[in-house]
N, C-alpha and C. Protein backbone atom coordinates (compact mmCIF):
# COMPACT_ATOMS: atom_id res chain seq x y z
N MET A 1 63.30 -8.63 1.15
CA MET A 1 62.42 -7.64 0.57
C MET A 1 63.14 -5.97 0.89
N ASN A 2 63.31 -5.58 0.10
CA ASN A 2 63.97 -4.21 0.46
C ASN A 2 63.00 -3.46 0.50
N GLU A 3 62.88 -2.32 0.95
CA GLU A 3 62.07 -1.34 1.60
C GLU A 3 61.51 -0.41 0.80
N HIS A 4 61.74 -0.54 -0.48
CA HIS A 4 60.33 -0.34 -1.85
C HIS A 4 59.79 -1.55 -2.57
N GLU A 5 59.77 -2.34 -2.25
CA GLU A 5 59.26 -3.61 -2.22
C GLU A 5 58.02 -3.69 -0.66
N TRP A 6 58.44 -3.24 -0.28
CA TRP A 6 57.67 -3.75 1.28
C TRP A 6 56.27 -1.85 0.99
N GLN A 7 56.86 -0.27 0.47
CA GLN A 7 56.46 0.22 0.14
C GLN A 7 55.46 0.14 -1.09
N GLU A 8 56.09 -1.03 -1.82
CA GLU A 8 54.32 -1.07 -2.94
C GLU A 8 53.81 -2.15 -2.51
N VAL A 9 53.46 -3.20 -1.78
CA VAL A 9 53.04 -4.08 -1.03
C VAL A 9 52.01 -3.36 -0.43
N ILE A 10 52.13 -2.39 0.92
CA ILE A 10 51.38 -1.22 1.38
C ILE A 10 50.80 -0.89 0.63
N GLY A 11 50.79 0.07 -0.83
CA GLY A 11 50.83 0.37 -0.76
C GLY A 11 49.33 -0.12 -2.44
N THR A 12 49.58 -1.55 -2.45
CA THR A 12 48.66 -2.19 -3.39
C THR A 12 47.63 -2.84 -2.39
N ILE A 13 48.23 -2.86 -0.61
CA ILE A 13 47.19 -3.28 0.35
C ILE A 13 46.04 -2.21 0.19
N GLY A 14 46.79 -0.92 0.83
CA GLY A 14 46.26 0.14 1.11
C GLY A 14 45.46 0.09 -0.15
N ILE A 15 45.32 0.62 -1.62
CA ILE A 15 44.49 0.44 -2.66
C ILE A 15 43.14 -0.65 -2.62
N PHE A 16 43.14 -1.51 -2.48
CA PHE A 16 42.72 -2.61 -2.62
C PHE A 16 41.88 -2.66 -1.49
N VAL A 17 42.09 -1.92 0.08
CA VAL A 17 41.28 -1.83 1.29
C VAL A 17 40.53 -0.41 1.17
N LEU A 18 41.40 0.54 0.02
CA LEU A 18 39.96 1.49 -0.42
C LEU A 18 39.15 1.28 -0.92
N LEU A 19 39.76 0.57 -2.69
CA LEU A 19 38.97 0.16 -3.25
C LEU A 19 37.03 -0.69 -2.77
N THR A 20 37.99 -1.42 -2.00
CA THR A 20 37.04 -2.45 -1.07
C THR A 20 35.94 -1.47 -0.16
N ALA A 21 36.46 -0.50 0.27
CA ALA A 21 35.35 0.39 0.90
C ALA A 21 34.48 1.27 -0.17
N VAL A 22 34.69 1.33 -1.46
CA VAL A 22 34.39 2.36 -1.70
C VAL A 22 33.12 1.88 -3.12
N ILE A 23 34.13 0.85 -3.15
CA ILE A 23 32.83 -0.63 -3.75
C ILE A 23 31.42 -0.94 -2.58
N ILE A 24 31.99 -0.93 -1.30
CA ILE A 24 30.59 -1.35 -0.24
C ILE A 24 30.22 -0.23 0.07
N THR A 25 30.51 0.91 -0.78
CA THR A 25 29.71 2.02 0.34
C THR A 25 28.62 2.01 -1.22
N VAL A 26 29.33 2.14 -2.19
CA VAL A 26 28.23 2.12 -3.93
C VAL A 26 27.11 1.47 -2.98
N LEU A 27 27.37 0.14 -2.94
CA LEU A 27 26.59 -1.04 -2.79
C LEU A 27 24.66 -0.79 -1.87
N CYS A 28 25.95 0.10 -0.87
CA CYS A 28 24.38 0.31 0.66
C CYS A 28 24.24 1.32 -0.37
N GLN A 29 24.59 1.89 -0.32
CA GLN A 29 23.80 3.64 -1.33
C GLN A 29 22.87 2.95 -2.54
N VAL A 30 23.34 2.01 -3.49
CA VAL A 30 22.49 1.29 -4.18
C VAL A 30 21.28 0.61 -3.33
N ALA A 31 21.09 -0.30 -2.70
CA ALA A 31 20.61 -1.05 -2.21
C ALA A 31 20.08 -0.10 -0.89
N VAL A 32 19.51 1.15 0.11
CA VAL A 32 19.21 2.66 0.38
C VAL A 32 17.82 2.83 -0.83
N THR A 33 19.03 3.21 -1.78
CA THR A 33 17.46 3.56 -2.98
C THR A 33 17.08 2.40 -3.73
N TRP A 34 17.48 1.41 -3.27
CA TRP A 34 16.31 0.40 -4.11
C TRP A 34 15.75 0.02 -3.41
N ARG A 35 15.59 0.14 -2.16
CA ARG A 35 15.35 -0.14 -1.00
C ARG A 35 13.29 0.88 -0.73
N ALA A 36 14.04 2.62 -1.58
CA ALA A 36 13.03 3.30 -0.72
C ALA A 36 12.17 3.15 -2.18
N LYS A 37 12.70 2.71 -3.14
CA LYS A 37 11.81 2.78 -4.37
C LYS A 37 11.22 1.75 -4.59
N ALA A 38 10.92 0.24 -3.79
CA ALA A 38 10.27 -0.73 -3.47
C ALA A 38 8.99 0.37 -2.18
N ARG A 39 9.56 0.80 -1.03
CA ARG A 39 8.69 1.62 -0.81
C ARG A 39 7.50 2.44 -1.33
N LEU A 40 7.96 3.11 -1.85
CA LEU A 40 7.30 4.05 -2.69
C LEU A 40 6.25 3.21 -3.47
N ALA A 41 6.68 2.35 -3.90
CA ALA A 41 5.95 1.46 -5.15
C ALA A 41 4.95 0.92 -4.01
N ARG A 42 5.05 -0.05 -3.24
CA ARG A 42 4.21 -0.29 -1.98
C ARG A 42 3.28 0.50 -1.72
N GLU A 43 3.78 1.50 -1.01
CA GLU A 43 2.73 2.50 -1.28
C GLU A 43 1.77 3.43 -1.91
N SER A 44 2.18 3.43 -3.35
CA SER A 44 0.86 3.48 -4.04
C SER A 44 0.37 2.97 -4.82
N GLU A 45 0.93 1.26 -3.92
CA GLU A 45 -0.57 0.03 -4.36
C GLU A 45 -1.19 0.23 -3.01
N TYR A 46 -0.71 0.94 -2.15
CA TYR A 46 -1.52 0.47 -0.79
C TYR A 46 -2.51 1.62 -0.68
N ARG A 47 -2.44 2.88 -1.61
CA ARG A 47 -2.74 3.97 -1.77
C ARG A 47 -4.01 3.46 -2.96
N ALA A 48 -3.50 3.15 -4.15
CA ALA A 48 -4.61 2.22 -4.40
C ALA A 48 -5.71 1.66 -4.26
N LEU A 49 -5.34 0.71 -3.30
CA LEU A 49 -6.03 -0.22 -2.64
C LEU A 49 -6.63 0.17 -1.62
N ALA A 50 -6.78 1.58 -1.10
CA ALA A 50 -7.60 1.93 -0.44
C ALA A 50 -8.16 3.09 -1.23
N GLU A 51 -8.39 3.53 -2.17
CA GLU A 51 -9.16 4.12 -2.66
C GLU A 51 -10.01 3.16 -3.24
N SER A 52 -9.89 1.79 -3.84
CA SER A 52 -10.72 1.29 -4.58
C SER A 52 -11.78 0.92 -3.25
N ALA A 53 -11.23 0.72 -2.18
CA ALA A 53 -12.05 0.24 -0.73
C ALA A 53 -13.40 1.53 -0.57
N VAL A 54 -12.46 2.03 -0.66
CA VAL A 54 -12.87 3.02 -1.04
C VAL A 54 -14.57 3.76 -1.11
N ALA A 55 -14.04 3.71 -2.91
CA ALA A 55 -15.51 3.31 -3.06
C ALA A 55 -16.04 2.41 -3.43
N GLY A 56 -15.97 1.19 -3.55
CA GLY A 56 -16.98 0.28 -2.96
C GLY A 56 -17.85 -0.39 -1.41
N GLN A 57 -17.08 0.68 -0.35
CA GLN A 57 -18.06 1.07 1.12
C GLN A 57 -18.77 2.22 0.18
N ARG A 58 -18.98 2.73 -0.99
CA ARG A 58 -19.24 4.07 -1.39
C ARG A 58 -20.93 3.28 -1.72
N ALA A 59 -20.29 2.19 -2.31
CA ALA A 59 -21.47 1.98 -3.54
C ALA A 59 -22.52 1.22 -2.37
N VAL A 60 -21.73 0.00 -1.53
CA VAL A 60 -22.49 -0.58 -0.94
C VAL A 60 -23.01 0.33 0.46
N GLU A 61 -22.93 1.75 0.80
CA GLU A 61 -23.73 2.46 1.43
C GLU A 61 -24.79 2.92 0.57
N ARG A 62 -24.19 3.09 -0.97
CA ARG A 62 -25.44 3.64 -1.64
C ARG A 62 -26.61 2.97 -1.72
N ARG A 63 -26.18 1.20 -1.73
CA ARG A 63 -27.28 0.72 -2.42
C ARG A 63 -28.00 0.49 -0.94
N LEU A 64 -27.03 -0.15 0.72
CA LEU A 64 -27.65 0.12 1.47
C LEU A 64 -29.03 1.37 1.52
N GLU A 65 -29.05 2.47 1.50
CA GLU A 65 -29.29 3.40 1.33
C GLU A 65 -30.64 3.08 0.56
N GLU A 66 -30.88 2.82 -1.22
CA GLU A 66 -31.53 2.57 -1.86
C GLU A 66 -32.50 0.86 -1.45
N ILE A 67 -31.87 0.31 -0.60
CA ILE A 67 -32.59 -1.11 -0.27
C ILE A 67 -33.46 -0.06 0.90
N GLY A 68 -33.10 0.79 2.05
CA GLY A 68 -34.09 0.95 2.63
C GLY A 68 -35.04 1.83 2.66
N ARG A 69 -35.09 3.10 1.46
CA ARG A 69 -35.96 3.16 1.24
C ARG A 69 -36.47 2.36 0.99
N HIS A 70 -36.84 1.84 0.18
CA HIS A 70 -37.57 0.15 -0.59
C HIS A 70 -38.01 -0.29 0.74
N VAL A 71 -37.79 -1.22 1.31
CA VAL A 71 -38.36 -1.48 3.14
C VAL A 71 -39.16 -0.58 3.43
N SER A 72 -38.80 1.04 4.18
CA SER A 72 -39.81 1.38 4.21
C SER A 72 -40.85 1.87 3.53
N GLU A 73 -41.18 1.89 2.59
CA GLU A 73 -42.18 2.40 0.84
C GLU A 73 -42.91 0.30 1.22
N LEU A 74 -41.93 -0.53 1.41
CA LEU A 74 -42.44 -1.86 1.77
C LEU A 74 -43.53 -1.70 3.11
N SER A 75 -43.11 -1.53 3.86
CA SER A 75 -43.92 -1.48 5.18
C SER A 75 -44.68 -0.34 5.39
N GLY A 76 -44.90 1.30 4.66
CA GLY A 76 -46.25 1.44 4.62
C GLY A 76 -47.10 0.82 3.70
N ARG A 77 -46.59 0.04 2.97
CA ARG A 77 -47.62 -0.91 1.26
C ARG A 77 -48.50 -1.49 2.69
N THR A 78 -47.60 -2.46 3.37
CA THR A 78 -47.94 -3.66 4.52
C THR A 78 -48.70 -2.93 5.83
N ASP A 79 -48.76 -1.97 6.21
CA ASP A 79 -49.29 -0.69 6.44
C ASP A 79 -50.88 -0.97 6.55
N SER A 80 -50.35 0.39 5.31
CA SER A 80 -51.92 0.04 4.89
C SER A 80 -52.46 -1.14 4.25
N ILE A 81 -52.09 -2.00 3.63
CA ILE A 81 -52.55 -2.84 3.28
C ILE A 81 -54.02 -3.63 4.54
N GLU A 82 -52.86 -3.85 5.78
CA GLU A 82 -52.92 -4.14 7.42
C GLU A 82 -54.13 -3.30 7.56
N ARG A 83 -54.63 -2.09 7.26
CA ARG A 83 -55.60 -1.11 7.99
C ARG A 83 -56.94 -1.52 6.97
N ILE A 84 -56.79 -1.87 5.60
CA ILE A 84 -57.59 -1.86 4.47
C ILE A 84 -58.41 -3.22 5.37
N LEU A 85 -57.39 -4.94 5.46
CA LEU A 85 -58.18 -5.59 5.84
C LEU A 85 -59.02 -5.54 6.84
N LYS A 86 -58.14 -4.79 8.34
CA LYS A 86 -58.95 -4.20 9.38
C LYS A 86 -59.92 -3.73 9.19
N ASP A 87 -60.04 -3.12 7.95
CA ASP A 87 -61.64 -1.89 7.95
C ASP A 87 -61.94 -3.37 7.62
N VAL A 88 -61.71 -4.29 6.37
CA VAL A 88 -63.08 -5.26 5.36
C VAL A 88 -63.65 -6.29 6.33
N GLU A 89 -62.65 -6.33 7.60
CA GLU A 89 -63.49 -7.43 8.79
C GLU A 89 -64.25 -6.39 9.97
């Protein structure tokens, strides 16, 4: 092989290495972007889940307050019935 053929071989190898490096860099950047989009999607799903959990907890709190009022009312009624029964005896 003469010196021009060696230059062509070295040039070909150099271009191949350069193209490989560019392709790997592009693929890494695409993968980073894809992971970031997936992370954002997960975060929005977690946010929606947390909001629905908070809404459920508020509904449970309201229901417990309502039940507490009913229990207090029933306790008052029971006390008045007990007083009436004691007065009757």
